[in-house]
């Protein structure tokens, strides 16, 4: 069943990501992202791949550096993001990679984000590109 955001994107003619639309990948090694600026089209995705055996937070902030939420990037795991279908081309979001300590390593639960950030691996910028439109299939050649 399609989510409201997916239905809204399809109604606008925006391609919803599939395996045919590869994600923009940011790899994190030793807490440091391999790219400091990427562009992801509306309808595409950006994926953070953690190559380390520690947890990180991916903090997304707006131009005023307001962080509404941090997303847990699991050890040796990945997390993906998709731009809002209502985003405009050239909108920008800053990201930071922050290492966290574990409150209970056996359960792999992060402790409260306040006061447990032990290091920042740096960050960068995600730029929203133009829409990825759905193209009609090519016409079959007549004989």
N, C-alpha and C. Protein backbone atom coordinates (compact mmCIF):
# COMPACT_ATOMS: atom_id res chain seq x y z
N UNK A 1 0.84 -1.17 0.00
CA UNK A 1 0.00 0.00 0.00
C UNK A 1 0.89 1.23 0.00
N UNK A 2 0.59 2.19 -0.85
CA UNK A 2 1.38 3.41 -0.96
C UNK A 2 1.13 4.32 0.22
N UNK A 3 2.21 5.00 0.67
CA UNK A 3 2.07 5.97 1.74
C UNK A 3 1.53 7.26 1.16
N UNK A 4 1.00 8.18 1.98
CA UNK A 4 0.53 9.46 1.45
C UNK A 4 1.62 10.22 0.70
N UNK A 5 2.87 10.17 1.21
CA UNK A 5 3.97 10.86 0.53
C UNK A 5 4.26 10.25 -0.83
N UNK A 6 4.23 8.92 -0.90
CA UNK A 6 4.47 8.23 -2.17
C UNK A 6 3.37 8.55 -3.16
N UNK A 7 2.13 8.52 -2.72
CA UNK A 7 1.01 8.84 -3.60
C UNK A 7 1.10 10.27 -4.10
N UNK A 8 1.48 11.18 -3.22
CA UNK A 8 1.63 12.60 -3.58
C UNK A 8 2.73 12.76 -4.63
N UNK A 9 3.85 12.06 -4.43
CA UNK A 9 4.96 12.14 -5.37
C UNK A 9 4.55 11.59 -6.74
N UNK A 10 3.85 10.45 -6.75
CA UNK A 10 3.42 9.87 -8.01
C UNK A 10 2.43 10.78 -8.73
N UNK A 11 1.56 11.45 -7.96
CA UNK A 11 0.58 12.35 -8.57
C UNK A 11 1.27 13.53 -9.24
N UNK A 12 2.44 13.91 -8.73
CA UNK A 12 3.19 15.01 -9.32
C UNK A 12 4.07 14.52 -10.48
N UNK A 13 4.03 13.23 -10.77
CA UNK A 13 4.86 12.68 -11.84
C UNK A 13 6.29 12.44 -11.42
N UNK A 14 6.53 12.38 -10.11
CA UNK A 14 7.87 12.15 -9.59
C UNK A 14 8.08 10.66 -9.42
N UNK A 15 9.21 10.20 -9.87
CA UNK A 15 9.51 8.78 -9.77
C UNK A 15 9.82 8.43 -8.32
N UNK A 16 9.16 7.44 -7.79
CA UNK A 16 9.43 6.95 -6.45
C UNK A 16 10.60 5.97 -6.58
N UNK A 17 11.59 6.05 -5.67
CA UNK A 17 12.78 5.22 -5.83
C UNK A 17 12.47 3.73 -5.94
N UNK A 18 13.19 3.11 -6.82
CA UNK A 18 13.13 1.66 -6.97
C UNK A 18 14.56 1.19 -7.11
N UNK A 19 14.74 -0.08 -7.31
CA UNK A 19 16.09 -0.58 -7.51
C UNK A 19 16.70 -0.01 -8.79
N UNK A 20 15.87 0.50 -9.69
CA UNK A 20 16.37 1.08 -10.93
C UNK A 20 16.97 2.46 -10.71
N UNK A 21 16.65 3.12 -9.58
CA UNK A 21 17.20 4.43 -9.27
C UNK A 21 18.20 4.23 -8.13
N UNK A 22 19.50 4.16 -8.46
CA UNK A 22 20.47 3.90 -7.40
C UNK A 22 20.56 5.08 -6.43
N UNK A 23 20.79 4.79 -5.16
CA UNK A 23 20.90 5.88 -4.19
C UNK A 23 22.23 6.60 -4.32
N UNK A 24 22.27 7.83 -3.84
CA UNK A 24 23.53 8.54 -3.65
C UNK A 24 24.06 8.00 -2.33
N UNK A 25 25.30 7.48 -2.31
CA UNK A 25 25.83 6.82 -1.12
C UNK A 25 26.93 7.67 -0.49
N UNK A 26 26.81 7.86 0.82
CA UNK A 26 27.86 8.49 1.61
C UNK A 26 28.38 7.41 2.56
N UNK A 27 29.64 7.03 2.40
CA UNK A 27 30.24 6.00 3.25
C UNK A 27 30.95 6.67 4.43
N UNK A 28 30.72 6.12 5.62
CA UNK A 28 31.34 6.64 6.84
C UNK A 28 32.38 5.63 7.32
N UNK A 29 33.64 6.06 7.37
CA UNK A 29 34.74 5.21 7.82
C UNK A 29 35.54 5.99 8.86
N UNK A 30 35.77 5.37 10.01
CA UNK A 30 36.44 6.04 11.12
C UNK A 30 35.71 7.32 11.51
N UNK A 31 34.38 7.31 11.35
CA UNK A 31 33.56 8.45 11.73
C UNK A 31 33.56 9.59 10.75
N UNK A 32 34.21 9.43 9.61
CA UNK A 32 34.34 10.51 8.64
C UNK A 32 33.59 10.15 7.35
N UNK A 33 32.69 11.04 6.88
CA UNK A 33 31.99 10.78 5.61
C UNK A 33 32.96 10.94 4.44
N UNK A 34 32.79 10.12 3.41
CA UNK A 34 33.69 10.19 2.25
C UNK A 34 33.33 11.32 1.29
N UNK A 35 32.19 11.94 1.47
CA UNK A 35 31.79 13.07 0.62
C UNK A 35 31.31 14.20 1.52
N UNK A 36 31.67 15.43 1.17
CA UNK A 36 31.18 16.54 1.98
C UNK A 36 30.01 17.27 1.33
N UNK A 37 29.76 16.99 0.05
CA UNK A 37 28.59 17.56 -0.62
C UNK A 37 28.08 16.55 -1.63
N UNK A 38 26.78 16.30 -1.60
CA UNK A 38 26.14 15.44 -2.58
C UNK A 38 24.85 16.11 -3.05
N UNK A 39 24.40 15.71 -4.21
CA UNK A 39 23.11 16.17 -4.73
C UNK A 39 22.22 14.95 -4.90
N UNK A 40 21.02 15.04 -4.34
CA UNK A 40 20.04 13.96 -4.49
C UNK A 40 18.79 14.57 -5.10
N UNK A 41 18.31 13.98 -6.16
CA UNK A 41 17.12 14.49 -6.84
C UNK A 41 15.86 14.15 -6.06
N UNK A 42 14.86 15.01 -6.19
CA UNK A 42 13.56 14.72 -5.61
C UNK A 42 13.09 13.43 -6.26
N UNK A 43 12.69 12.47 -5.45
CA UNK A 43 12.33 11.15 -5.95
C UNK A 43 13.47 10.16 -5.82
N UNK A 44 14.67 10.65 -5.48
CA UNK A 44 15.82 9.77 -5.27
C UNK A 44 16.04 9.57 -3.78
N UNK A 45 17.13 8.90 -3.45
CA UNK A 45 17.47 8.67 -2.05
C UNK A 45 18.95 8.93 -1.82
N UNK A 46 19.28 9.24 -0.58
CA UNK A 46 20.67 9.32 -0.15
C UNK A 46 20.82 8.32 0.99
N UNK A 47 21.87 7.49 0.89
CA UNK A 47 22.07 6.43 1.88
C UNK A 47 23.42 6.64 2.57
N UNK A 48 23.40 6.54 3.89
CA UNK A 48 24.62 6.59 4.68
C UNK A 48 24.99 5.15 5.02
N UNK A 49 26.19 4.71 4.63
CA UNK A 49 26.69 3.38 4.94
C UNK A 49 27.76 3.51 6.02
N UNK A 50 27.59 2.82 7.14
CA UNK A 50 28.53 2.85 8.24
C UNK A 50 29.49 1.67 8.10
N UNK A 51 30.76 1.95 7.87
CA UNK A 51 31.78 0.91 7.73
C UNK A 51 32.46 0.59 9.05
N UNK A 52 31.99 1.19 10.14
CA UNK A 52 32.61 1.03 11.46
C UNK A 52 31.74 0.16 12.36
N UNK A 53 32.33 -0.33 13.44
CA UNK A 53 31.59 -1.16 14.38
C UNK A 53 31.09 -0.35 15.57
N UNK A 54 30.89 0.93 15.38
CA UNK A 54 30.32 1.81 16.41
C UNK A 54 29.10 2.51 15.83
N UNK A 55 28.23 2.96 16.72
CA UNK A 55 27.02 3.68 16.31
C UNK A 55 27.34 5.15 16.10
N UNK A 56 26.64 5.76 15.15
CA UNK A 56 26.72 7.20 14.92
C UNK A 56 25.31 7.77 14.86
N UNK A 57 25.23 9.06 15.04
CA UNK A 57 23.99 9.78 14.78
C UNK A 57 24.21 10.57 13.50
N UNK A 58 23.22 10.57 12.63
CA UNK A 58 23.23 11.46 11.48
C UNK A 58 22.30 12.60 11.87
N UNK A 59 22.87 13.80 12.01
CA UNK A 59 22.09 14.97 12.39
C UNK A 59 21.88 15.82 11.14
N UNK A 60 20.62 16.01 10.78
CA UNK A 60 20.26 16.85 9.64
C UNK A 60 19.80 18.20 10.17
N UNK A 61 20.33 19.28 9.61
CA UNK A 61 19.95 20.61 10.07
C UNK A 61 19.59 21.50 8.89
N UNK A 62 18.72 22.48 9.16
CA UNK A 62 18.34 23.44 8.13
C UNK A 62 19.35 24.58 8.11
N UNK A 63 19.08 25.61 7.31
CA UNK A 63 20.02 26.72 7.14
C UNK A 63 20.26 27.49 8.44
N UNK A 64 19.35 27.37 9.41
CA UNK A 64 19.53 28.03 10.71
C UNK A 64 20.22 27.12 11.71
N UNK A 65 20.70 25.96 11.24
CA UNK A 65 21.35 24.95 12.08
C UNK A 65 20.41 24.40 13.13
N UNK A 66 19.12 24.33 12.80
CA UNK A 66 18.13 23.76 13.71
C UNK A 66 18.02 22.27 13.44
N UNK A 67 18.31 21.47 14.44
CA UNK A 67 18.20 20.01 14.31
C UNK A 67 16.91 19.56 14.98
N UNK A 68 16.01 19.01 14.21
CA UNK A 68 14.74 18.54 14.76
C UNK A 68 14.86 17.11 15.28
N UNK A 69 15.75 16.33 14.68
CA UNK A 69 15.86 14.92 15.06
C UNK A 69 17.22 14.39 14.60
N UNK A 70 17.75 13.46 15.36
CA UNK A 70 18.95 12.73 14.97
C UNK A 70 18.51 11.33 14.59
N UNK A 71 19.14 10.76 13.58
CA UNK A 71 18.79 9.41 13.13
C UNK A 71 19.96 8.50 13.46
N UNK A 72 19.65 7.35 14.04
CA UNK A 72 20.68 6.38 14.42
C UNK A 72 21.21 5.65 13.19
N UNK A 73 22.51 5.73 13.00
CA UNK A 73 23.20 4.97 11.95
C UNK A 73 23.86 3.79 12.65
N UNK A 74 23.29 2.58 12.51
CA UNK A 74 23.80 1.45 13.26
C UNK A 74 25.20 1.03 12.85
N UNK A 75 25.90 0.40 13.78
CA UNK A 75 27.22 -0.14 13.49
C UNK A 75 27.11 -1.10 12.31
N UNK A 76 28.01 -0.95 11.35
CA UNK A 76 28.05 -1.80 10.15
C UNK A 76 26.70 -1.83 9.43
N UNK A 77 25.93 -0.76 9.52
CA UNK A 77 24.61 -0.71 8.90
C UNK A 77 24.43 0.50 8.02
N UNK A 78 23.21 0.72 7.61
CA UNK A 78 22.88 1.82 6.70
C UNK A 78 21.57 2.47 7.12
N UNK A 79 21.39 3.70 6.65
CA UNK A 79 20.13 4.40 6.81
C UNK A 79 19.95 5.24 5.55
N UNK A 80 18.70 5.29 5.05
CA UNK A 80 18.41 6.04 3.82
C UNK A 80 17.43 7.16 4.09
N UNK A 81 17.57 8.22 3.31
CA UNK A 81 16.69 9.37 3.39
C UNK A 81 16.17 9.69 1.99
N UNK A 82 14.99 10.26 1.94
CA UNK A 82 14.38 10.68 0.68
C UNK A 82 13.92 12.12 0.84
N UNK A 83 14.22 13.00 -0.11
CA UNK A 83 13.76 14.38 -0.01
C UNK A 83 12.23 14.45 -0.01
N UNK A 84 11.72 15.44 0.67
CA UNK A 84 10.28 15.72 0.68
C UNK A 84 9.85 16.01 -0.75
N UNK A 85 8.75 15.43 -1.23
CA UNK A 85 8.28 15.72 -2.59
C UNK A 85 7.99 17.19 -2.83
N UNK A 86 7.77 17.97 -1.75
CA UNK A 86 7.51 19.40 -1.90
C UNK A 86 8.78 20.24 -1.84
N UNK A 87 9.94 19.61 -1.68
CA UNK A 87 11.20 20.36 -1.65
C UNK A 87 11.42 21.03 -3.00
N UNK A 88 12.16 22.12 -2.97
CA UNK A 88 12.48 22.84 -4.20
C UNK A 88 13.92 22.54 -4.60
N UNK A 89 14.18 22.53 -5.89
CA UNK A 89 15.54 22.34 -6.38
C UNK A 89 16.41 23.41 -5.74
N UNK A 90 17.60 23.04 -5.37
CA UNK A 90 18.60 23.89 -4.72
C UNK A 90 18.38 24.07 -3.22
N UNK A 91 17.32 23.47 -2.64
CA UNK A 91 17.22 23.45 -1.18
C UNK A 91 18.43 22.70 -0.65
N UNK A 92 18.88 23.06 0.53
CA UNK A 92 20.05 22.41 1.11
C UNK A 92 19.78 21.98 2.54
N UNK A 93 20.39 20.87 2.92
CA UNK A 93 20.33 20.34 4.27
C UNK A 93 21.76 20.01 4.67
N UNK A 94 22.19 20.47 5.83
CA UNK A 94 23.52 20.12 6.33
C UNK A 94 23.41 18.83 7.13
N UNK A 95 24.48 18.05 7.14
CA UNK A 95 24.50 16.85 7.97
C UNK A 95 25.78 16.80 8.77
N UNK A 96 25.70 16.19 9.94
CA UNK A 96 26.86 15.93 10.78
C UNK A 96 26.82 14.47 11.19
N UNK A 97 28.00 13.88 11.32
CA UNK A 97 28.13 12.51 11.79
C UNK A 97 28.69 12.60 13.20
N UNK A 98 27.94 12.08 14.17
CA UNK A 98 28.33 12.19 15.57
C UNK A 98 28.39 10.80 16.19
N UNK A 99 29.51 10.49 16.83
CA UNK A 99 29.65 9.18 17.49
C UNK A 99 28.95 9.24 18.84
N UNK A 100 28.29 8.14 19.20
CA UNK A 100 27.61 8.06 20.50
C UNK A 100 28.17 6.89 21.28
N UNK A 101 28.06 6.98 22.61
CA UNK A 101 28.44 5.85 23.44
C UNK A 101 27.20 5.00 23.67
N UNK A 102 27.39 3.77 24.06
CA UNK A 102 26.26 2.87 24.24
C UNK A 102 25.95 2.69 25.71
N UNK A 103 24.69 2.84 26.05
CA UNK A 103 24.23 2.66 27.43
C UNK A 103 24.22 1.18 27.80
N UNK A 104 23.82 0.38 26.84
CA UNK A 104 23.73 -1.05 27.09
C UNK A 104 24.18 -1.76 25.82
N UNK A 105 25.47 -2.06 25.73
CA UNK A 105 26.03 -2.63 24.50
C UNK A 105 25.38 -3.96 24.13
N UNK A 106 24.98 -4.74 25.12
CA UNK A 106 24.37 -6.04 24.84
C UNK A 106 23.05 -5.87 24.08
N UNK A 107 22.30 -4.82 24.39
CA UNK A 107 21.02 -4.58 23.73
C UNK A 107 21.18 -3.62 22.55
N UNK A 108 22.38 -3.07 22.37
CA UNK A 108 22.65 -2.12 21.28
C UNK A 108 21.71 -0.92 21.30
N UNK A 109 21.44 -0.41 22.50
CA UNK A 109 20.58 0.77 22.61
C UNK A 109 21.44 1.99 22.89
N UNK A 110 21.25 3.06 22.13
CA UNK A 110 22.04 4.26 22.41
C UNK A 110 21.52 4.95 23.66
N UNK A 111 22.43 5.56 24.40
CA UNK A 111 22.01 6.34 25.55
C UNK A 111 21.40 7.64 25.07
N UNK A 112 20.84 8.38 25.98
CA UNK A 112 20.23 9.66 25.63
C UNK A 112 21.22 10.50 24.83
N UNK A 113 20.76 11.17 23.82
CA UNK A 113 21.64 11.95 22.95
C UNK A 113 22.30 13.10 23.70
N UNK A 114 21.68 13.62 24.74
CA UNK A 114 22.27 14.73 25.49
C UNK A 114 23.45 14.23 26.31
N UNK A 115 24.61 14.81 26.06
CA UNK A 115 25.77 14.51 26.87
C UNK A 115 26.53 13.26 26.49
N UNK A 116 26.14 12.55 25.43
CA UNK A 116 26.85 11.32 25.09
C UNK A 116 27.58 11.42 23.76
N UNK A 117 27.47 12.56 23.10
CA UNK A 117 28.20 12.71 21.84
C UNK A 117 29.67 12.82 22.19
N UNK A 118 30.48 11.89 21.73
CA UNK A 118 31.88 11.85 22.12
C UNK A 118 32.80 12.41 21.05
N UNK A 119 32.35 12.49 19.83
CA UNK A 119 33.20 13.02 18.76
C UNK A 119 32.35 13.31 17.54
N UNK A 120 32.83 14.21 16.73
CA UNK A 120 32.17 14.49 15.46
C UNK A 120 33.12 14.12 14.35
N UNK A 121 32.65 13.31 13.44
CA UNK A 121 33.46 12.92 12.30
C UNK A 121 33.38 13.93 11.17
N UNK A 122 32.69 15.02 11.42
CA UNK A 122 32.53 16.01 10.38
C UNK A 122 31.17 15.89 9.76
N UNK A 123 31.00 16.59 8.69
CA UNK A 123 29.71 16.58 8.05
C UNK A 123 29.79 17.13 6.66
N UNK A 124 28.66 17.57 6.17
CA UNK A 124 28.62 18.09 4.81
C UNK A 124 27.25 18.61 4.48
N UNK A 125 26.93 18.58 3.21
CA UNK A 125 25.72 19.19 2.71
C UNK A 125 25.05 18.26 1.72
N UNK A 126 23.73 18.19 1.81
CA UNK A 126 22.92 17.47 0.83
C UNK A 126 22.14 18.53 0.07
N UNK A 127 22.32 18.59 -1.22
CA UNK A 127 21.63 19.56 -2.07
C UNK A 127 20.52 18.84 -2.79
N UNK A 128 19.33 19.43 -2.75
CA UNK A 128 18.19 18.84 -3.45
C UNK A 128 18.27 19.24 -4.92
N UNK A 129 18.27 18.24 -5.79
CA UNK A 129 18.31 18.48 -7.22
C UNK A 129 16.91 18.52 -7.79
N UNK A 130 16.84 18.54 -9.08
CA UNK A 130 15.53 18.58 -9.74
C UNK A 130 14.83 17.24 -9.60
N UNK A 131 13.57 17.22 -9.96
CA UNK A 131 12.76 15.99 -9.88
C UNK A 131 13.29 14.94 -10.83
N UNK A 132 13.15 13.70 -10.40
CA UNK A 132 13.40 12.57 -11.29
C UNK A 132 12.06 12.22 -11.88
N UNK A 133 11.85 12.54 -13.13
CA UNK A 133 10.54 12.31 -13.73
C UNK A 133 10.45 10.90 -14.28
N UNK A 134 9.25 10.43 -14.36
CA UNK A 134 9.01 9.11 -14.93
C UNK A 134 8.84 9.27 -16.43
N UNK A 135 9.72 8.64 -17.18
CA UNK A 135 9.65 8.72 -18.64
C UNK A 135 8.79 7.59 -19.17
N UNK A 136 8.03 7.85 -20.23
CA UNK A 136 7.25 6.76 -20.82
C UNK A 136 8.19 5.73 -21.44
N UNK A 137 7.76 4.48 -21.51
CA UNK A 137 8.61 3.46 -22.12
C UNK A 137 8.83 3.77 -23.60
N UNK A 138 10.01 3.36 -24.12
CA UNK A 138 10.26 3.64 -25.55
C UNK A 138 9.27 2.89 -26.43
N UNK A 139 8.95 3.49 -27.57
CA UNK A 139 8.03 2.86 -28.51
C UNK A 139 8.75 1.72 -29.22
N UNK A 140 8.00 0.68 -29.49
CA UNK A 140 8.57 -0.47 -30.20
C UNK A 140 8.75 -0.09 -31.67
N UNK A 141 9.86 -0.54 -32.20
CA UNK A 141 10.13 -0.26 -33.61
C UNK A 141 9.19 -1.07 -34.49
N UNK A 142 8.63 -0.40 -35.50
CA UNK A 142 7.75 -1.13 -36.43
C UNK A 142 8.59 -1.74 -37.54
N UNK A 143 8.11 -2.84 -38.04
CA UNK A 143 8.88 -3.57 -39.09
C UNK A 143 8.32 -3.29 -40.44
